[in-house]
Amino acid sequence: MTHNKTVLLTRINSLRKGLDELVDLVIAIEEPQPEQTTSLLPPESDAWLTPRQVCKHLNIAYATFFEWVRTGKLPLGREFSSKSKRWRMSDIRLWQEERQNSILPVKIVVSEVAKRRGRPPKVRRKEDFYSV
């Protein structure tokens, strides 16, 4: 089957154009996107957040969140029921601003080496390894 040269050239040009568009699309996808906020709510929102939402907003682990609540590092939440405690978004943001603006003291903790429990190890002497 023979084709006309002009028909083949127009087909090649349309394929090249499609390929160029595809390459531009791939490049646009691979370029780094601007960093998105981790907050689930708009900045002006003053909603009540669950512990998981606060963790997502602060980018911390769930266990860390409850450690901070226990030690008083985070602001107090409000108990809506025996199983539901929430934190106001404005309180969390205010806490973040205070934390960023203050200079936190550095605590240096010196701990003693933990002593081994139980029977002390057998003392080895040089005579144990060499024949005398």
N, C-alpha and C. Protein backbone atom coordinates (compact mmCIF):
# COMPACT_ATOMS: atom_id res chain seq x y z
N MET A 1 0.84 -1.17 0.00
CA MET A 1 0.00 0.00 0.00
C MET A 1 0.88 1.23 0.00
N THR A 2 0.74 2.03 -0.98
CA THR A 2 1.57 3.24 -1.10
C THR A 2 0.77 4.44 -0.64
N HIS A 3 1.49 5.36 -0.01
CA HIS A 3 0.85 6.57 0.50
C HIS A 3 1.47 7.77 -0.17
N ASN A 4 0.69 8.76 -0.25
CA ASN A 4 1.17 10.02 -0.79
C ASN A 4 2.12 10.65 0.23
N LYS A 5 3.20 11.26 -0.24
CA LYS A 5 4.21 11.86 0.63
C LYS A 5 3.60 12.97 1.48
N THR A 6 2.73 13.78 0.96
CA THR A 6 2.13 14.87 1.73
C THR A 6 1.21 14.35 2.82
N VAL A 7 0.52 13.24 2.58
CA VAL A 7 -0.35 12.65 3.58
C VAL A 7 0.48 12.14 4.75
N LEU A 8 1.60 11.49 4.43
CA LEU A 8 2.48 10.99 5.49
C LEU A 8 3.09 12.13 6.29
N LEU A 9 3.52 13.21 5.64
CA LEU A 9 4.12 14.34 6.34
C LEU A 9 3.11 15.02 7.27
N THR A 10 1.88 15.18 6.83
CA THR A 10 0.88 15.80 7.70
C THR A 10 0.59 14.90 8.91
N ARG A 11 0.57 13.61 8.69
CA ARG A 11 0.34 12.67 9.80
C ARG A 11 1.51 12.71 10.79
N ILE A 12 2.73 12.75 10.28
CA ILE A 12 3.92 12.84 11.14
C ILE A 12 3.90 14.14 11.94
N ASN A 13 3.54 15.25 11.32
CA ASN A 13 3.50 16.53 12.02
C ASN A 13 2.43 16.54 13.11
N SER A 14 1.28 15.92 12.85
CA SER A 14 0.24 15.87 13.88
C SER A 14 0.68 14.97 15.05
N LEU A 15 1.39 13.89 14.74
CA LEU A 15 1.92 13.03 15.81
C LEU A 15 2.97 13.75 16.63
N ARG A 16 3.84 14.52 15.98
CA ARG A 16 4.86 15.31 16.71
C ARG A 16 4.20 16.33 17.62
N LYS A 17 3.15 16.99 17.13
CA LYS A 17 2.45 17.99 17.94
C LYS A 17 1.83 17.31 19.17
N GLY A 18 1.21 16.16 18.98
CA GLY A 18 0.64 15.42 20.11
C GLY A 18 1.70 14.97 21.09
N LEU A 19 2.84 14.57 20.56
CA LEU A 19 3.95 14.14 21.42
C LEU A 19 4.50 15.32 22.21
N ASP A 20 4.62 16.48 21.58
CA ASP A 20 5.09 17.69 22.28
C ASP A 20 4.14 18.07 23.42
N GLU A 21 2.84 17.97 23.16
CA GLU A 21 1.86 18.28 24.21
C GLU A 21 1.98 17.29 25.36
N LEU A 22 2.20 16.03 25.05
CA LEU A 22 2.37 15.01 26.07
C LEU A 22 3.62 15.26 26.91
N VAL A 23 4.71 15.63 26.25
CA VAL A 23 5.96 15.93 26.96
C VAL A 23 5.77 17.13 27.88
N ASP A 24 5.08 18.18 27.41
CA ASP A 24 4.81 19.35 28.25
C ASP A 24 3.97 18.98 29.47
N LEU A 25 3.02 18.08 29.28
CA LEU A 25 2.19 17.64 30.39
C LEU A 25 3.01 16.87 31.42
N VAL A 26 3.89 16.00 30.98
CA VAL A 26 4.73 15.22 31.89
C VAL A 26 5.67 16.15 32.65
N ILE A 27 6.24 17.13 31.98
CA ILE A 27 7.14 18.08 32.65
C ILE A 27 6.38 18.87 33.69
N ALA A 28 5.16 19.30 33.37
CA ALA A 28 4.35 20.06 34.34
C ALA A 28 4.03 19.21 35.56
N ILE A 29 3.79 17.93 35.36
CA ILE A 29 3.48 17.05 36.50
C ILE A 29 4.71 16.83 37.37
N GLU A 30 5.89 16.69 36.76
CA GLU A 30 7.10 16.38 37.51
C GLU A 30 7.70 17.59 38.20
N GLU A 31 7.33 18.82 37.81
CA GLU A 31 7.88 20.00 38.47
C GLU A 31 7.38 20.04 39.90
N PRO A 32 8.23 20.51 40.82
CA PRO A 32 7.81 20.54 42.22
C PRO A 32 6.64 21.51 42.40
N GLN A 33 5.63 21.03 43.08
CA GLN A 33 4.45 21.84 43.34
C GLN A 33 4.69 22.68 44.58
N PRO A 34 4.04 23.86 44.68
CA PRO A 34 4.19 24.66 45.89
C PRO A 34 3.66 23.88 47.09
N GLU A 35 4.31 24.08 48.23
CA GLU A 35 3.97 23.33 49.42
C GLU A 35 2.57 23.69 49.88
N GLN A 36 1.78 22.67 50.14
CA GLN A 36 0.42 22.89 50.58
C GLN A 36 0.38 22.87 52.10
N THR A 37 -0.56 23.62 52.66
CA THR A 37 -0.69 23.64 54.11
C THR A 37 -1.27 22.32 54.58
N THR A 38 -0.88 21.93 55.78
CA THR A 38 -1.36 20.67 56.32
C THR A 38 -2.68 20.83 57.04
N SER A 39 -3.14 22.07 57.19
CA SER A 39 -4.38 22.30 57.90
C SER A 39 -5.56 21.82 57.08
N LEU A 40 -6.54 21.26 57.76
CA LEU A 40 -7.74 20.79 57.09
C LEU A 40 -8.76 21.90 56.92
N LEU A 41 -8.57 23.00 57.62
CA LEU A 41 -9.56 24.07 57.63
C LEU A 41 -8.96 25.36 57.09
N PRO A 42 -9.78 26.25 56.56
CA PRO A 42 -9.26 27.53 56.11
C PRO A 42 -8.72 28.34 57.28
N PRO A 43 -7.75 29.26 57.02
CA PRO A 43 -7.11 29.99 58.11
C PRO A 43 -8.07 30.80 58.96
N GLU A 44 -9.15 31.31 58.38
CA GLU A 44 -10.06 32.15 59.15
C GLU A 44 -11.04 31.34 59.99
N SER A 45 -11.02 30.04 59.84
CA SER A 45 -11.96 29.19 60.55
C SER A 45 -11.61 29.11 62.04
N ASP A 46 -12.64 29.11 62.88
CA ASP A 46 -12.43 28.96 64.32
C ASP A 46 -13.24 27.76 64.78
N ALA A 47 -12.99 26.64 64.14
CA ALA A 47 -13.73 25.41 64.43
C ALA A 47 -13.11 24.68 65.61
N TRP A 48 -13.86 23.71 66.11
CA TRP A 48 -13.36 22.83 67.15
C TRP A 48 -12.74 21.62 66.48
N LEU A 49 -11.49 21.32 66.84
CA LEU A 49 -10.74 20.24 66.20
C LEU A 49 -10.65 19.02 67.10
N THR A 50 -10.67 17.85 66.47
CA THR A 50 -10.44 16.61 67.19
C THR A 50 -8.93 16.45 67.40
N PRO A 51 -8.53 15.55 68.28
CA PRO A 51 -7.09 15.33 68.46
C PRO A 51 -6.36 14.96 67.16
N ARG A 52 -6.99 14.16 66.32
CA ARG A 52 -6.35 13.78 65.05
C ARG A 52 -6.18 14.99 64.14
N GLN A 53 -7.17 15.89 64.11
CA GLN A 53 -7.05 17.08 63.29
C GLN A 53 -5.96 18.01 63.81
N VAL A 54 -5.83 18.12 65.14
CA VAL A 54 -4.76 18.93 65.72
C VAL A 54 -3.41 18.33 65.37
N CYS A 55 -3.30 17.00 65.45
CA CYS A 55 -2.05 16.33 65.08
C CYS A 55 -1.70 16.61 63.63
N LYS A 56 -2.68 16.56 62.75
CA LYS A 56 -2.45 16.82 61.33
C LYS A 56 -2.02 18.27 61.13
N HIS A 57 -2.67 19.19 61.83
CA HIS A 57 -2.34 20.62 61.70
C HIS A 57 -0.93 20.92 62.21
N LEU A 58 -0.56 20.33 63.34
CA LEU A 58 0.75 20.57 63.94
C LEU A 58 1.83 19.66 63.37
N ASN A 59 1.43 18.66 62.59
CA ASN A 59 2.35 17.69 62.00
C ASN A 59 3.13 16.95 63.08
N ILE A 60 2.40 16.42 64.05
CA ILE A 60 3.01 15.66 65.14
C ILE A 60 2.31 14.31 65.24
N ALA A 61 2.92 13.40 65.97
CA ALA A 61 2.35 12.08 66.17
C ALA A 61 1.23 12.15 67.21
N TYR A 62 0.34 11.19 67.12
CA TYR A 62 -0.80 11.11 68.03
C TYR A 62 -0.35 10.98 69.48
N ALA A 63 0.66 10.14 69.72
CA ALA A 63 1.19 9.96 71.08
C ALA A 63 1.84 11.23 71.59
N THR A 64 2.52 11.96 70.72
CA THR A 64 3.16 13.22 71.10
C THR A 64 2.10 14.23 71.53
N PHE A 65 1.01 14.26 70.80
CA PHE A 65 -0.08 15.19 71.14
C PHE A 65 -0.55 14.96 72.57
N PHE A 66 -0.82 13.72 72.94
CA PHE A 66 -1.32 13.44 74.28
C PHE A 66 -0.24 13.64 75.35
N GLU A 67 1.01 13.45 74.98
CA GLU A 67 2.11 13.74 75.91
C GLU A 67 2.14 15.25 76.19
N TRP A 68 2.00 16.06 75.15
CA TRP A 68 1.99 17.52 75.31
C TRP A 68 0.78 17.98 76.12
N VAL A 69 -0.36 17.35 75.93
CA VAL A 69 -1.55 17.70 76.71
C VAL A 69 -1.34 17.33 78.17
N ARG A 70 -0.77 16.15 78.40
CA ARG A 70 -0.54 15.68 79.78
C ARG A 70 0.43 16.58 80.53
N THR A 71 1.47 17.05 79.84
CA THR A 71 2.48 17.89 80.49
C THR A 71 2.12 19.37 80.50
N GLY A 72 0.99 19.74 79.87
CA GLY A 72 0.56 21.13 79.89
C GLY A 72 1.22 21.98 78.82
N LYS A 73 1.88 21.38 77.87
CA LYS A 73 2.54 22.13 76.81
C LYS A 73 1.52 22.71 75.83
N LEU A 74 0.45 21.98 75.55
CA LEU A 74 -0.62 22.46 74.66
C LEU A 74 -1.72 23.11 75.48
N PRO A 75 -2.48 24.03 74.87
CA PRO A 75 -3.61 24.61 75.59
C PRO A 75 -4.67 23.55 75.90
N LEU A 76 -5.46 23.83 76.91
CA LEU A 76 -6.48 22.87 77.32
C LEU A 76 -7.61 22.84 76.31
N GLY A 77 -8.14 21.66 76.13
CA GLY A 77 -9.29 21.48 75.25
C GLY A 77 -10.57 21.56 76.06
N ARG A 78 -11.67 21.39 75.36
CA ARG A 78 -12.96 21.42 76.03
C ARG A 78 -13.60 20.05 75.88
N GLU A 79 -14.15 19.55 76.97
CA GLU A 79 -14.77 18.23 76.96
C GLU A 79 -16.25 18.38 76.61
N PHE A 80 -16.64 17.85 75.45
CA PHE A 80 -18.03 17.92 75.02
C PHE A 80 -18.84 16.77 75.59
N SER A 81 -18.20 15.64 75.77
CA SER A 81 -18.83 14.49 76.42
C SER A 81 -17.72 13.67 77.05
N SER A 82 -18.09 12.55 77.64
CA SER A 82 -17.06 11.75 78.31
C SER A 82 -16.04 11.18 77.33
N LYS A 83 -16.42 11.06 76.04
CA LYS A 83 -15.52 10.48 75.05
C LYS A 83 -15.09 11.48 73.98
N SER A 84 -15.49 12.73 74.11
CA SER A 84 -15.20 13.70 73.06
C SER A 84 -14.58 14.96 73.64
N LYS A 85 -13.33 15.20 73.25
CA LYS A 85 -12.63 16.40 73.69
C LYS A 85 -12.16 17.13 72.44
N ARG A 86 -12.31 18.44 72.40
CA ARG A 86 -11.96 19.22 71.21
C ARG A 86 -11.11 20.43 71.62
N TRP A 87 -10.37 20.92 70.63
CA TRP A 87 -9.52 22.09 70.80
C TRP A 87 -9.93 23.14 69.79
N ARG A 88 -10.00 24.40 70.22
CA ARG A 88 -10.39 25.48 69.32
C ARG A 88 -9.19 25.85 68.45
N MET A 89 -9.44 26.02 67.15
CA MET A 89 -8.38 26.33 66.19
C MET A 89 -7.68 27.64 66.55
N SER A 90 -8.42 28.63 67.02
CA SER A 90 -7.80 29.91 67.37
C SER A 90 -6.83 29.74 68.54
N ASP A 91 -7.16 28.86 69.51
CA ASP A 91 -6.26 28.61 70.63
C ASP A 91 -4.97 27.94 70.16
N ILE A 92 -5.09 27.01 69.22
CA ILE A 92 -3.91 26.31 68.69
C ILE A 92 -3.04 27.29 67.94
N ARG A 93 -3.64 28.16 67.11
CA ARG A 93 -2.85 29.15 66.35
C ARG A 93 -2.17 30.16 67.28
N LEU A 94 -2.88 30.60 68.32
CA LEU A 94 -2.29 31.52 69.29
C LEU A 94 -1.12 30.86 70.00
N TRP A 95 -1.28 29.59 70.37
CA TRP A 95 -0.19 28.84 71.00
C TRP A 95 1.01 28.74 70.07
N GLN A 96 0.76 28.50 68.76
CA GLN A 96 1.84 28.41 67.79
C GLN A 96 2.59 29.75 67.68
N GLU A 97 1.85 30.86 67.62
CA GLU A 97 2.48 32.18 67.51
C GLU A 97 3.32 32.49 68.74
N GLU A 98 2.79 32.19 69.92
CA GLU A 98 3.55 32.43 71.16
C GLU A 98 4.82 31.58 71.17
N ARG A 99 4.70 30.37 70.72
CA ARG A 99 5.85 29.46 70.70
C ARG A 99 6.91 29.95 69.72
N GLN A 100 6.49 30.48 68.57
CA GLN A 100 7.44 30.98 67.58
C GLN A 100 8.11 32.27 68.04
N ASN A 101 7.38 33.11 68.77
CA ASN A 101 7.92 34.41 69.18
C ASN A 101 8.77 34.34 70.44
N SER A 102 8.63 33.29 71.22
CA SER A 102 9.39 33.20 72.47
C SER A 102 10.68 32.43 72.25
N ILE A 103 11.65 32.75 73.06
CA ILE A 103 12.90 32.00 73.04
C ILE A 103 12.80 30.93 74.11
N LEU A 104 12.81 29.71 73.67
CA LEU A 104 12.65 28.60 74.60
C LEU A 104 13.98 28.28 75.27
N PRO A 105 13.98 28.12 76.60
CA PRO A 105 15.22 27.75 77.27
C PRO A 105 15.63 26.33 76.91
N VAL A 106 16.92 26.12 76.89
CA VAL A 106 17.45 24.81 76.57
C VAL A 106 17.67 24.07 77.88
N LYS A 107 17.11 22.89 77.98
CA LYS A 107 17.29 22.08 79.18
C LYS A 107 18.36 21.04 78.89
N ILE A 108 19.37 21.01 79.74
CA ILE A 108 20.42 20.00 79.60
C ILE A 108 20.18 18.97 80.69
N VAL A 109 19.94 17.78 80.29
CA VAL A 109 19.64 16.70 81.23
C VAL A 109 20.85 15.78 81.28
N VAL A 110 21.40 15.65 82.49
CA VAL A 110 22.52 14.74 82.69
C VAL A 110 21.99 13.58 83.52
N SER A 111 22.05 12.42 82.94
CA SER A 111 21.56 11.26 83.67
C SER A 111 22.72 10.31 83.94
N GLU A 112 22.59 9.61 85.03
CA GLU A 112 23.61 8.63 85.37
C GLU A 112 23.43 7.40 84.49
N VAL A 113 24.52 6.70 84.31
CA VAL A 113 24.46 5.46 83.56
C VAL A 113 23.67 4.45 84.39
N ALA A 114 22.72 3.82 83.76
CA ALA A 114 21.89 2.86 84.47
C ALA A 114 22.75 1.69 84.95
N LYS A 115 22.57 1.32 86.21
CA LYS A 115 23.31 0.20 86.75
C LYS A 115 22.62 -1.09 86.36
N ARG A 116 23.45 -2.09 86.08
CA ARG A 116 22.89 -3.39 85.72
C ARG A 116 22.28 -4.03 86.94
N ARG A 117 21.18 -4.66 86.73
CA ARG A 117 20.53 -5.37 87.82
C ARG A 117 20.91 -6.83 87.76
N GLY A 118 20.87 -7.46 88.91
CA GLY A 118 21.15 -8.89 88.95
C GLY A 118 22.58 -9.18 89.36
N ARG A 119 23.00 -10.37 89.10
CA ARG A 119 24.31 -10.84 89.51
C ARG A 119 25.40 -10.15 88.71
N PRO A 120 26.47 -9.70 89.37
CA PRO A 120 27.56 -9.05 88.63
C PRO A 120 28.27 -10.06 87.73
N PRO A 121 28.83 -9.58 86.64
CA PRO A 121 29.51 -10.51 85.72
C PRO A 121 30.75 -11.11 86.39
N LYS A 122 31.13 -12.29 85.94
CA LYS A 122 32.30 -12.96 86.49
C LYS A 122 33.55 -12.19 86.07
N VAL A 123 34.40 -11.93 87.07
CA VAL A 123 35.63 -11.19 86.78
C VAL A 123 36.61 -12.14 86.11
N ARG A 124 37.11 -11.71 84.99
CA ARG A 124 38.08 -12.54 84.27
C ARG A 124 39.47 -11.97 84.50
N ARG A 125 40.38 -12.87 84.72
CA ARG A 125 41.77 -12.46 84.94
C ARG A 125 42.61 -12.94 83.78
N LYS A 126 43.78 -12.40 83.71
CA LYS A 126 44.70 -12.76 82.64
C LYS A 126 45.02 -14.24 82.68
N GLU A 127 45.08 -14.80 83.89
CA GLU A 127 45.41 -16.22 84.03
C GLU A 127 44.32 -17.12 83.41
N ASP A 128 43.11 -16.61 83.31
CA ASP A 128 42.04 -17.40 82.73
C ASP A 128 42.27 -17.63 81.25
N PHE A 129 43.01 -16.75 80.59
CA PHE A 129 43.22 -16.84 79.15
C PHE A 129 44.58 -17.41 78.76
N TYR A 130 45.54 -17.32 79.65
CA TYR A 130 46.88 -17.80 79.33
C TYR A 130 47.28 -18.86 80.32
N SER A 131 47.99 -19.84 79.84
CA SER A 131 48.49 -20.84 80.76
C SER A 131 49.70 -20.29 81.46
N VAL A 132 49.77 -20.54 82.74
CA VAL A 132 50.88 -20.01 83.54
C VAL A 132 51.92 -21.07 83.78
